[in-house]
PDB file of N, CA and C in Angstrom:
ATOM      1  N   MET A   1      72.971 129.204 140.308  1.00  0.00           N
ATOM      2  CA  MET A   1      71.800 129.409 139.355  1.00  0.00           C
ATOM      3  C   MET A   1      71.530 130.893 139.072  1.00  0.00           C
ATOM      4  N   GLU A   2      71.154 131.081 137.983  1.00  0.00           N
ATOM      5  CA  GLU A   2      70.842 132.532 137.362  1.00  0.00           C
ATOM      6  C   GLU A   2      69.349 132.518 136.956  1.00  0.00           C
ATOM      7  N   ASN A   3      68.731 133.441 137.376  1.00  0.00           N
ATOM      8  CA  ASN A   3      67.309 133.735 137.101  1.00  0.00           C
ATOM      9  C   ASN A   3      67.193 134.918 135.996  1.00  0.00           C
ATOM     10  N   SER A   4      66.267 134.786 135.111  1.00  0.00           N
ATOM     11  CA  SER A   4      65.986 135.985 134.126  1.00  0.00           C
ATOM     12  C   SER A   4      64.543 136.162 133.998  1.00  0.00           C
ATOM     13  N   SER A   5      64.257 137.377 133.804  1.00  0.00           N
ATOM     14  CA  SER A   5      62.822 137.871 133.521  1.00  0.00           C
ATOM     15  C   SER A   5      62.570 137.753 132.028  1.00  0.00           C
ATOM     16  N   LEU A   6      61.764 136.803 131.630  1.00  0.00           N
ATOM     17  CA  LEU A   6      61.462 136.727 130.205  1.00  0.00           C
ATOM     18  C   LEU A   6      60.802 137.926 129.763  1.00  0.00           C
ATOM     19  N   THR A   7      59.901 138.522 130.595  1.00  0.00           N
ATOM     20  CA  THR A   7      59.159 139.783 130.209  1.00  0.00           C
ATOM     21  C   THR A   7      60.261 140.809 129.877  1.00  0.00           C
ATOM     22  N   ALA A   8      61.126 141.080 130.799  1.00  0.00           N
ATOM     23  CA  ALA A   8      62.174 142.197 130.621  1.00  0.00           C
ATOM     24  C   ALA A   8      62.956 141.864 129.407  1.00  0.00           C
ATOM     25  N   LEU A   9      63.444 140.596 129.157  1.00  0.00           N
ATOM     26  CA  LEU A   9      64.278 140.320 128.024  1.00  0.00           C
ATOM     27  C   LEU A   9      63.448 140.547 126.706  1.00  0.00           C
ATOM     28  N   ALA A  10      62.134 140.253 126.738  1.00  0.00           N
ATOM     29  CA  ALA A  10      61.277 140.441 125.597  1.00  0.00           C
ATOM     30  C   ALA A  10      61.191 141.867 125.256  1.00  0.00           C
ATOM     31  N   PHE A  11      61.075 142.739 126.152  1.00  0.00           N
ATOM     32  CA  PHE A  11      60.993 144.213 126.004  1.00  0.00           C
ATOM     33  C   PHE A  11      62.203 144.633 125.573  1.00  0.00           C
ATOM     34  N   GLN A  12      63.350 144.262 126.172  1.00  0.00           N
ATOM     35  CA  GLN A  12      64.626 144.710 125.654  1.00  0.00           C
ATOM     36  C   GLN A  12      64.996 144.272 124.226  1.00  0.00           C
ATOM     37  N   HIS A  13      64.746 143.046 123.904  1.00  0.00           N
ATOM     38  CA  HIS A  13      65.040 142.737 122.493  1.00  0.00           C
ATOM     39  C   HIS A  13      64.011 143.160 121.463  1.00  0.00           C
ATOM     40  N   LEU A  14      62.863 143.430 121.898  1.00  0.00           N
ATOM     41  CA  LEU A  14      61.925 144.135 120.984  1.00  0.00           C
ATOM     42  C   LEU A  14      62.510 145.542 120.613  1.00  0.00           C
ATOM     43  N   GLU A  15      62.956 146.210 121.622  1.00  0.00           N
ATOM     44  CA  GLU A  15      63.562 147.485 121.248  1.00  0.00           C
ATOM     45  C   GLU A  15      64.830 147.328 120.397  1.00  0.00           C
ATOM     46  N   LEU A  16      65.530 146.262 120.683  1.00  0.00           N
ATOM     47  CA  LEU A  16      66.795 146.072 119.861  1.00  0.00           C
ATOM     48  C   LEU A  16      66.371 145.738 118.512  1.00  0.00           C
ATOM     49  N   ALA A  17      65.364 144.989 118.261  1.00  0.00           N
ATOM     50  CA  ALA A  17      64.836 144.611 116.871  1.00  0.00           C
ATOM     51  C   ALA A  17      64.415 145.800 116.071  1.00  0.00           C
ATOM     52  N   ARG A  18      63.697 146.729 116.831  1.00  0.00           N
ATOM     53  CA  ARG A  18      63.206 147.915 116.030  1.00  0.00           C
ATOM     54  C   ARG A  18      64.402 148.768 115.675  1.00  0.00           C
ATOM     55  N   GLU A  19      65.424 148.787 116.318  1.00  0.00           N
ATOM     56  CA  GLU A  19      66.567 149.463 115.889  1.00  0.00           C
ATOM     57  C   GLU A  19      67.447 148.779 114.818  1.00  0.00           C
ATOM     58  N   ALA A  20      67.402 147.515 114.715  1.00  0.00           N
ATOM     59  CA  ALA A  20      68.246 146.819 113.917  1.00  0.00           C
ATOM     60  C   ALA A  20      67.701 146.830 112.416  1.00  0.00           C
ATOM     61  N   SER A  21      68.583 146.800 111.502  1.00  0.00           N
ATOM     62  CA  SER A  21      68.268 146.813 110.011  1.00  0.00           C
ATOM     63  C   SER A  21      67.585 145.493 109.667  1.00  0.00           C
ATOM     64  N   SER A  22      67.859 144.450 110.357  1.00  0.00           N
ATOM     65  CA  SER A  22      67.316 143.227 110.096  1.00  0.00           C
ATOM     66  C   SER A  22      65.852 142.976 110.631  1.00  0.00           C
ATOM     67  N   GLY A  23      65.600 143.937 111.592  1.00  0.00           N
ATOM     68  CA  GLY A  23      64.241 143.846 112.205  1.00  0.00           C
ATOM     69  C   GLY A  23      64.174 142.633 113.239  1.00  0.00           C
ATOM     70  N   ARG A  24      65.269 142.193 113.748  1.00  0.00           N
ATOM     71  CA  ARG A  24      65.277 140.993 114.662  1.00  0.00           C
ATOM     72  C   ARG A  24      66.212 141.124 115.723  1.00  0.00           C
ATOM     73  N   SER A  25      66.134 140.405 116.748  1.00  0.00           N
ATOM     74  CA  SER A  25      67.267 140.275 117.870  1.00  0.00           C
ATOM     75  C   SER A  25      66.972 138.934 118.494  1.00  0.00           C
ATOM     76  N   ALA A  26      68.060 138.465 119.044  1.00  0.00           N
ATOM     77  CA  ALA A  26      67.916 137.095 119.678  1.00  0.00           C
ATOM     78  C   ALA A  26      68.945 137.055 120.823  1.00  0.00           C
ATOM     79  N   HIS A  27      68.695 136.130 121.813  1.00  0.00           N
ATOM     80  CA  HIS A  27      69.644 135.989 122.943  1.00  0.00           C
ATOM     81  C   HIS A  27      69.268 134.571 123.533  1.00  0.00           C
ATOM     82  N   THR A  28      70.377 133.988 123.598  1.00  0.00           N
ATOM     83  CA  THR A  28      70.300 132.427 124.282  1.00  0.00           C
ATOM     84  C   THR A  28      70.018 132.654 125.721  1.00  0.00           C
ATOM     85  N   VAL A  29      68.944 132.267 126.184  1.00  0.00           N
ATOM     86  CA  VAL A  29      68.579 132.231 127.678  1.00  0.00           C
ATOM     87  C   VAL A  29      69.204 131.107 128.368  1.00  0.00           C
ATOM     88  N   TYR A  30      69.215 129.884 127.739  1.00  0.00           N
ATOM     89  CA  TYR A  30      69.758 128.784 128.466  1.00  0.00           C
ATOM     90  C   TYR A  30      70.349 127.876 127.259  1.00  0.00           C
ATOM     91  N   GLY A  31      71.412 127.224 127.568  1.00  0.00           N
ATOM     92  CA  GLY A  31      72.011 126.214 126.633  1.00  0.00           C
ATOM     93  C   GLY A  31      73.324 126.742 126.094  1.00  0.00           C
ATOM     94  N   GLY A  32      73.724 125.994 125.033  1.00  0.00           N
ATOM     95  CA  GLY A  32      74.912 126.256 124.323  1.00  0.00           C
ATOM     96  C   GLY A  32      75.595 124.866 124.105  1.00  0.00           C
ATOM     97  N   HIS A  33      76.729 124.810 123.722  1.00  0.00           N
ATOM     98  CA  HIS A  33      77.438 123.753 123.252  1.00  0.00           C
ATOM     99  C   HIS A  33      77.438 122.650 124.317  1.00  0.00           C
ATOM    100  N   GLU A  34      77.549 122.912 125.528  1.00  0.00           N
ATOM    101  CA  GLU A  34      77.688 122.069 126.703  1.00  0.00           C
ATOM    102  C   GLU A  34      76.295 121.417 127.140  1.00  0.00           C
ATOM    103  N   HIS A  35      75.192 121.749 126.579  1.00  0.00           N
ATOM    104  CA  HIS A  35      73.867 121.440 126.939  1.00  0.00           C
ATOM    105  C   HIS A  35      73.072 120.792 125.854  1.00  0.00           C
ATOM    106  N   LEU A  36      72.156 119.853 126.124  1.00  0.00           N
ATOM    107  CA  LEU A  36      71.345 119.380 125.179  1.00  0.00           C
ATOM    108  C   LEU A  36      69.991 120.092 124.908  1.00  0.00           C
ATOM    109  N   LEU A  37      69.723 121.010 125.852  1.00  0.00           N
ATOM    110  CA  LEU A  37      68.559 121.931 125.686  1.00  0.00           C
ATOM    111  C   LEU A  37      69.061 123.381 125.370  1.00  0.00           C
ATOM    112  N   ARG A  38      68.459 123.945 124.479  1.00  0.00           N
ATOM    113  CA  ARG A  38      68.815 125.363 124.169  1.00  0.00           C
ATOM    114  C   ARG A  38      67.527 126.133 124.007  1.00  0.00           C
ATOM    115  N   GLN A  39      67.494 127.330 124.845  1.00  0.00           N
ATOM    116  CA  GLN A  39      66.248 128.170 124.810  1.00  0.00           C
ATOM    117  C   GLN A  39      66.733 129.547 124.444  1.00  0.00           C
ATOM    118  N   THR A  40      66.057 130.029 123.307  1.00  0.00           N
ATOM    119  CA  THR A  40      66.465 131.307 122.770  1.00  0.00           C
ATOM    120  C   THR A  40      65.357 132.228 122.607  1.00  0.00           C
ATOM    121  N   LEU A  41      65.424 133.481 123.186  1.00  0.00           N
ATOM    122  CA  LEU A  41      64.424 134.392 123.032  1.00  0.00           C
ATOM    123  C   LEU A  41      64.724 135.049 121.705  1.00  0.00           C
ATOM    124  N   ILE A  42      63.615 135.164 120.831  1.00  0.00           N
ATOM    125  CA  ILE A  42      63.694 135.808 119.523  1.00  0.00           C
ATOM    126  C   ILE A  42      62.749 136.932 119.372  1.00  0.00           C
ATOM    127  N   ALA A  43      63.038 138.119 119.084  1.00  0.00           N
ATOM    128  CA  ALA A  43      62.207 139.246 118.899  1.00  0.00           C
ATOM    129  C   ALA A  43      62.211 139.619 117.429  1.00  0.00           C
ATOM    130  N   LEU A  44      61.050 139.663 116.730  1.00  0.00           N
ATOM    131  CA  LEU A  44      60.926 140.068 115.361  1.00  0.00           C
ATOM    132  C   LEU A  44      59.862 141.360 115.294  1.00  0.00           C
ATOM    133  N   ILE A  45      60.152 142.265 114.442  1.00  0.00           N
ATOM    134  CA  ILE A  45      59.266 143.304 114.261  1.00  0.00           C
ATOM    135  C   ILE A  45      58.181 142.876 113.208  1.00  0.00           C
ATOM    136  N   ALA A  46      56.941 143.481 113.214  1.00  0.00           N
ATOM    137  CA  ALA A  46      55.936 142.989 112.293  1.00  0.00           C
ATOM    138  C   ALA A  46      56.509 143.023 110.773  1.00  0.00           C
ATOM    139  N   GLY A  47      56.159 141.921 110.080  1.00  0.00           N
ATOM    140  CA  GLY A  47      56.524 141.729 108.786  1.00  0.00           C
ATOM    141  C   GLY A  47      57.748 141.023 108.601  1.00  0.00           C
ATOM    142  N   GLU A  48      58.612 140.903 109.606  1.00  0.00           N
ATOM    143  CA  GLU A  48      59.961 140.238 109.456  1.00  0.00           C
ATOM    144  C   GLU A  48      59.729 138.766 109.687  1.00  0.00           C
ATOM    145  N   SER A  49      60.582 137.877 109.305  1.00  0.00           N
ATOM    146  CA  SER A  49      60.537 136.496 109.459  1.00  0.00           C
ATOM    147  C   SER A  49      61.759 135.784 109.544  1.00  0.00           C
ATOM    148  N   LEU A  50      61.667 134.572 110.128  1.00  0.00           N
ATOM    149  CA  LEU A  50      62.762 133.639 109.982  1.00  0.00           C
ATOM    150  C   LEU A  50      62.573 132.786 108.735  1.00  0.00           C
ATOM    151  N   GLU A  51      63.221 133.164 107.739  1.00  0.00           N
ATOM    152  CA  GLU A  51      62.963 132.401 106.357  1.00  0.00           C
ATOM    153  C   GLU A  51      62.904 130.864 106.552  1.00  0.00           C
ATOM    154  N   GLU A  52      62.243 130.321 105.506  1.00  0.00           N
ATOM    155  CA  GLU A  52      62.057 128.888 105.600  1.00  0.00           C
ATOM    156  C   GLU A  52      63.431 128.062 105.730  1.00  0.00           C
ATOM    157  N   HIS A  53      63.351 127.088 106.692  1.00  0.00           N
ATOM    158  CA  HIS A  53      64.608 126.383 107.098  1.00  0.00           C
ATOM    159  C   HIS A  53      64.239 125.065 107.529  1.00  0.00           C
ATOM    160  N   ASP A  54      65.157 124.115 107.670  1.00  0.00           N
ATOM    161  CA  ASP A  54      64.966 122.765 108.130  1.00  0.00           C
ATOM    162  C   ASP A  54      64.629 122.816 109.610  1.00  0.00           C
ATOM    163  N   SER A  55      63.890 121.841 109.904  1.00  0.00           N
ATOM    164  CA  SER A  55      63.487 121.626 111.397  1.00  0.00           C
ATOM    165  C   SER A  55      64.826 121.259 112.148  1.00  0.00           C
ATOM    166  N   PRO A  56      64.903 122.003 113.449  1.00  0.00           N
ATOM    167  CA  PRO A  56      66.108 121.716 114.085  1.00  0.00           C
ATOM    168  C   PRO A  56      65.990 120.383 115.042  1.00  0.00           C
ATOM    169  N   GLY A  57      64.934 119.615 114.842  1.00  0.00           N
ATOM    170  CA  GLY A  57      64.585 118.551 115.650  1.00  0.00           C
ATOM    171  C   GLY A  57      63.424 118.841 116.520  1.00  0.00           C
ATOM    172  N   GLU A  58      63.370 118.247 117.820  1.00  0.00           N
ATOM    173  CA  GLU A  58      62.337 118.482 118.769  1.00  0.00           C
ATOM    174  C   GLU A  58      62.354 120.000 119.074  1.00  0.00           C
ATOM    175  N   ALA A  59      61.302 120.861 118.901  1.00  0.00           N
ATOM    176  CA  ALA A  59      61.467 122.188 119.266  1.00  0.00           C
ATOM    177  C   ALA A  59      59.948 122.809 119.455  1.00  0.00           C
ATOM    178  N   THR A  60      59.901 123.767 120.271  1.00  0.00           N
ATOM    179  CA  THR A  60      58.570 124.441 120.580  1.00  0.00           C
ATOM    180  C   THR A  60      58.845 125.933 120.517  1.00  0.00           C
ATOM    181  N   VAL A  61      57.754 126.728 120.329  1.00  0.00           N
ATOM    182  CA  VAL A  61      57.914 128.137 120.447  1.00  0.00           C
ATOM    183  C   VAL A  61      56.666 128.517 121.357  1.00  0.00           C
ATOM    184  N   GLN A  62      57.031 129.299 122.325  1.00  0.00           N
ATOM    185  CA  GLN A  62      56.098 130.008 123.157  1.00  0.00           C
ATOM    186  C   GLN A  62      56.035 131.434 122.969  1.00  0.00           C
ATOM    187  N   VAL A  63      54.948 131.898 122.635  1.00  0.00           N
ATOM    188  CA  VAL A  63      54.693 133.373 122.211  1.00  0.00           C
ATOM    189  C   VAL A  63      54.609 134.159 123.499  1.00  0.00           C
ATOM    190  N   LEU A  64      55.472 135.118 123.653  1.00  0.00           N
ATOM    191  CA  LEU A  64      55.665 135.941 124.850  1.00  0.00           C
ATOM    192  C   LEU A  64      54.848 137.297 124.661  1.00  0.00           C
ATOM    193  N   SER A  65      54.861 137.694 123.427  1.00  0.00           N
ATOM    194  CA  SER A  65      54.167 138.957 123.156  1.00  0.00           C
ATOM    195  C   SER A  65      53.928 139.086 121.593  1.00  0.00           C
ATOM    196  N   GLY A  66      52.886 139.817 121.269  1.00  0.00           N
ATOM    197  CA  GLY A  66      52.620 139.897 119.748  1.00  0.00           C
ATOM    198  C   GLY A  66      51.897 138.797 119.165  1.00  0.00           C
ATOM    199  N   ARG A  67      51.848 138.616 117.849  1.00  0.00           N
ATOM    200  CA  ARG A  67      51.237 137.619 117.145  1.00  0.00           C
ATOM    201  C   ARG A  67      52.196 137.066 116.034  1.00  0.00           C
ATOM    202  N   VAL A  68      52.338 135.745 115.922  1.00  0.00           N
ATOM    203  CA  VAL A  68      53.250 135.045 114.989  1.00  0.00           C
ATOM    204  C   VAL A  68      52.453 134.055 114.180  1.00  0.00           C
ATOM    205  N   ARG A  69      53.126 133.695 112.955  1.00  0.00           N
ATOM    206  CA  ARG A  69      52.514 132.585 112.232  1.00  0.00           C
ATOM    207  C   ARG A  69      53.625 131.786 111.945  1.00  0.00           C
ATOM    208  N   LEU A  70      53.389 130.404 112.232  1.00  0.00           N
ATOM    209  CA  LEU A  70      54.372 129.358 111.851  1.00  0.00           C
ATOM    210  C   LEU A  70      53.858 128.598 110.615  1.00  0.00           C
ATOM    211  N   ILE A  71      54.637 128.598 109.619  1.00  0.00           N
ATOM    212  CA  ILE A  71      54.114 128.027 108.341  1.00  0.00           C
ATOM    213  C   ILE A  71      54.945 126.872 107.922  1.00  0.00           C
ATOM    214  N   GLY A  72      54.286 125.745 107.905  1.00  0.00           N
ATOM    215  CA  GLY A  72      54.852 124.440 107.514  1.00  0.00           C
ATOM    216  C   GLY A  72      54.547 124.126 106.036  1.00  0.00           C
ATOM    217  N   ALA A  73      54.940 123.034 105.518  1.00  0.00           N
ATOM    218  CA  ALA A  73      54.686 122.516 104.185  1.00  0.00           C
ATOM    219  C   ALA A  73      53.185 122.550 103.827  1.00  0.00           C
ATOM    220  N   GLU A  74      52.385 121.932 104.684  1.00  0.00           N
ATOM    221  CA  GLU A  74      50.964 121.983 104.480  1.00  0.00           C
ATOM    222  C   GLU A  74      50.064 122.460 105.446  1.00  0.00           C
ATOM    223  N   HIS A  75      50.678 123.045 106.501  1.00  0.00           N
ATOM    224  CA  HIS A  75      49.830 123.602 107.697  1.00  0.00           C
ATOM    225  C   HIS A  75      50.236 124.958 108.043  1.00  0.00           C
ATOM    226  N   LEU A  76      49.340 125.696 108.739  1.00  0.00           N
ATOM    227  CA  LEU A  76      49.645 127.052 109.235  1.00  0.00           C
ATOM    228  C   LEU A  76      49.076 127.182 110.528  1.00  0.00           C
ATOM    229  N   TRP A  77      49.996 127.665 111.443  1.00  0.00           N
ATOM    230  CA  TRP A  77      49.512 127.840 112.854  1.00  0.00           C
ATOM    231  C   TRP A  77      49.716 129.347 113.257  1.00  0.00           C
ATOM    232  N   ASP A  78      48.655 129.917 113.805  1.00  0.00           N
ATOM    233  CA  ASP A  78      48.823 131.263 114.317  1.00  0.00           C
ATOM    234  C   ASP A  78      49.066 131.130 115.789  1.00  0.00           C
ATOM    235  N   GLY A  79      49.850 131.981 116.313  1.00  0.00           N
ATOM    236  CA  GLY A  79      50.124 132.099 117.763  1.00  0.00           C
ATOM    237  C   GLY A  79      50.029 133.535 118.320  1.00  0.00           C
ATOM    238  N   THR A  80      49.411 133.603 119.547  1.00  0.00           N
ATOM    239  CA  THR A  80      49.293 134.881 120.221  1.00  0.00           C
ATOM    240  C   THR A  80      49.833 134.673 121.623  1.00  0.00           C
ATOM    241  N   VAL A  81      49.844 135.691 122.396  1.00  0.00           N
ATOM    242  CA  VAL A  81      50.357 135.752 123.742  1.00  0.00           C
ATOM    243  C   VAL A  81      49.968 134.483 124.548  1.00  0.00           C
ATOM    244  N   GLY A  82      50.960 133.851 124.940  1.00  0.00           N
ATOM    245  CA  GLY A  82      50.653 132.532 125.861  1.00  0.00           C
ATOM    246  C   GLY A  82      50.605 131.231 125.076  1.00  0.00           C
ATOM    247  N   ASP A  83      50.449 131.469 123.833  1.00  0.00           N
ATOM    248  CA  ASP A  83      50.348 130.253 122.914  1.00  0.00           C
ATOM    249  C   ASP A  83      51.569 129.415 122.840  1.00  0.00           C
ATOM    250  N   PHE A  84      51.522 128.020 122.826  1.00  0.00           N
ATOM    251  CA  PHE A  84      52.616 127.066 122.773  1.00  0.00           C
ATOM    252  C   PHE A  84      52.519 126.387 121.561  1.00  0.00           C
ATOM    253  N   LEU A  85      53.434 126.566 120.619  1.00  0.00           N
ATOM    254  CA  LEU A  85      53.377 125.990 119.190  1.00  0.00           C
ATOM    255  C   LEU A  85      54.409 124.954 119.201  1.00  0.00           C
ATOM    256  N   ILE A  86      54.086 123.658 118.670  1.00  0.00           N
ATOM    257  CA  ILE A  86      55.002 122.728 118.311  1.00  0.00           C
ATOM    258  C   ILE A  86      55.543 122.863 116.971  1.00  0.00           C
ATOM    259  N   VAL A  87      56.927 122.968 116.802  1.00  0.00           N
ATOM    260  CA  VAL A  87      57.597 123.284 115.454  1.00  0.00           C
ATOM    261  C   VAL A  87      57.491 121.921 114.686  1.00  0.00           C
ATOM    262  N   PRO A  88      56.980 121.966 113.486  1.00  0.00           N
ATOM    263  CA  PRO A  88      56.869 120.733 112.713  1.00  0.00           C
ATOM    264  C   PRO A  88      58.186 120.223 112.376  1.00  0.00           C
ATOM    265  N   ALA A  89      58.222 118.955 112.170  1.00  0.00           N
ATOM    266  CA  ALA A  89      59.452 118.208 111.684  1.00  0.00           C
ATOM    267  C   ALA A  89      59.736 118.264 110.190  1.00  0.00           C
ATOM    268  N   GLU A  90      59.583 119.406 109.679  1.00  0.00           N
ATOM    269  CA  GLU A  90      59.715 119.773 108.222  1.00  0.00           C
ATOM    270  C   GLU A  90      60.148 121.159 108.014  1.00  0.00           C
ATOM    271  N   ARG A  91      60.498 121.478 106.821  1.00  0.00           N
ATOM    272  CA  ARG A  91      60.880 122.829 106.572  1.00  0.00           C
ATOM    273  C   ARG A  91      59.718 123.791 106.852  1.00  0.00           C
ATOM    274  N   HIS A  92      60.117 124.901 107.417  1.00  0.00           N
ATOM    275  CA  HIS A  92      59.060 125.834 107.940  1.00  0.00           C
ATOM    276  C   HIS A  92      59.679 127.226 108.040  1.00  0.00           C
ATOM    277  N   SER A  93      58.805 128.136 108.176  1.00  0.00           N
ATOM    278  CA  SER A  93      59.231 129.550 108.412  1.00  0.00           C
ATOM    279  C   SER A  93      58.408 130.085 109.535  1.00  0.00           C
ATOM    280  N   LEU A  94      58.802 131.169 110.099  1.00  0.00           N
ATOM    281  CA  LEU A  94      58.107 131.952 111.297  1.00  0.00           C
ATOM    282  C   LEU A  94      58.042 133.382 110.997  1.00  0.00           C
ATOM    283  N   GLU A  95      56.913 133.830 111.008  1.00  0.00           N
ATOM    284  CA  GLU A  95      56.539 135.332 110.433  1.00  0.00           C
ATOM    285  C   GLU A  95      56.064 136.111 111.683  1.00  0.00           C
ATOM    286  N   ALA A  96      56.327 137.282 111.964  1.00  0.00           N
ATOM    287  CA  ALA A  96      55.790 138.095 112.906  1.00  0.00           C
ATOM    288  C   ALA A  96      54.606 138.827 112.314  1.00  0.00           C
ATOM    289  N   VAL A  97      53.386 138.732 112.751  1.00  0.00           N
ATOM    290  CA  VAL A  97      52.286 139.463 112.062  1.00  0.00           C
ATOM    291  C   VAL A  97      52.217 140.891 112.765  1.00  0.00           C
ATOM    292  N   GLU A  98      52.643 140.813 114.279  1.00  0.00           N
ATOM    293  CA  GLU A  98      52.852 142.089 115.033  1.00  0.00           C
ATOM    294  C   GLU A  98      54.224 142.003 115.535  1.00  0.00           C
ATOM    295  N   ASP A  99      54.723 143.095 116.084  1.00  0.00           N
ATOM    296  CA  ASP A  99      55.989 143.096 116.753  1.00  0.00           C
ATOM    297  C   ASP A  99      55.807 141.802 117.749  1.00  0.00           C
ATOM    298  N   SER A 100      56.752 140.997 117.854  1.00  0.00           N
ATOM    299  CA  SER A 100      56.610 139.783 118.603  1.00  0.00           C
ATOM    300  C   SER A 100      57.899 139.411 119.308  1.00  0.00           C
ATOM    301  N   ALA A 101      57.722 138.706 120.499  1.00  0.00           N
ATOM    302  CA  ALA A 101      58.812 138.025 121.149  1.00  0.00           C
ATOM    303  C   ALA A 101      58.421 136.586 121.415  1.00  0.00           C
ATOM    304  N   MET A 102      59.296 135.676 121.345  1.00  0.00           N
ATOM    305  CA  MET A 102      58.966 134.341 121.692  1.00  0.00           C
ATOM    306  C   MET A 102      60.114 133.588 122.206  1.00  0.00           C
ATOM    307  N   LEU A 103      59.844 132.430 122.872  1.00  0.00           N
ATOM    308  CA  LEU A 103      60.947 131.603 123.437  1.00  0.00           C
ATOM    309  C   LEU A 103      60.926 130.404 122.567  1.00  0.00           C
ATOM    310  N   LEU A 104      62.074 130.161 121.828  1.00  0.00           N
ATOM    311  CA  LEU A 104      62.241 129.045 121.081  1.00  0.00           C
ATOM    312  C   LEU A 104      63.080 128.004 121.943  1.00  0.00           C
ATOM    313  N   THR A 105      62.458 126.629 122.091  1.00  0.00           N
ATOM    314  CA  THR A 105      63.132 125.672 122.811  1.00  0.00           C
ATOM    315  C   THR A 105      63.456 124.500 121.921  1.00  0.00           C
ATOM    316  N   VAL A 106      64.735 124.227 121.859  1.00  0.00           N
ATOM    317  CA  VAL A 106      65.300 123.114 121.005  1.00  0.00           C
ATOM    318  C   VAL A 106      66.021 122.089 121.789  1.00  0.00           C
ATOM    319  N   ALA A 107      65.642 120.799 121.598  1.00  0.00           N
ATOM    320  CA  ALA A 107      66.334 119.734 122.223  1.00  0.00           C
ATOM    321  C   ALA A 107      67.289 119.220 121.109  1.00  0.00           C
ATOM    322  N   LEU A 108      68.701 119.345 121.545  1.00  0.00           N
ATOM    323  CA  LEU A 108      69.786 119.036 120.703  1.00  0.00           C
ATOM    324  C   LEU A 108      70.043 117.461 120.880  1.00  0.00           C
ATOM    325  N   HIS A 109      70.400 116.919 119.670  1.00  0.00           N
ATOM    326  CA  HIS A 109      70.734 115.469 119.815  1.00  0.00           C
ATOM    327  C   HIS A 109      72.284 115.297 119.453  1.00  0.00           C
ATOM    328  N   ARG A 110      72.740 114.454 120.193  1.00  0.00           N
ATOM    329  CA  ARG A 110      74.275 114.213 120.055  1.00  0.00           C
ATOM    330  C   ARG A 110      74.465 112.687 119.617  1.00  0.00           C
TER     331      ARG A 110
END
């Protein structure tokens, strides 16, 4: 079994995001092709976003630092540190209002 500090990973990937021309960095914390569950730490600098995309299925976002906005077709959800957002089953985008790190959890279906 392997343990990780989400706080340390968030700090590390926020630094990487600040240096990247895309303004983002990501790291798979758990999961992959052999698992049904995937958890990815995503860091975005303020003003950057994950452009509108289809829902990956059942998914949640836990805000680890900063402030984000999850934008669906008809709804908008703001998230701050400690908030747990359910990703809508529709096209959506995710925007960093402040430099932010979050844990995206997706249940993959086979």
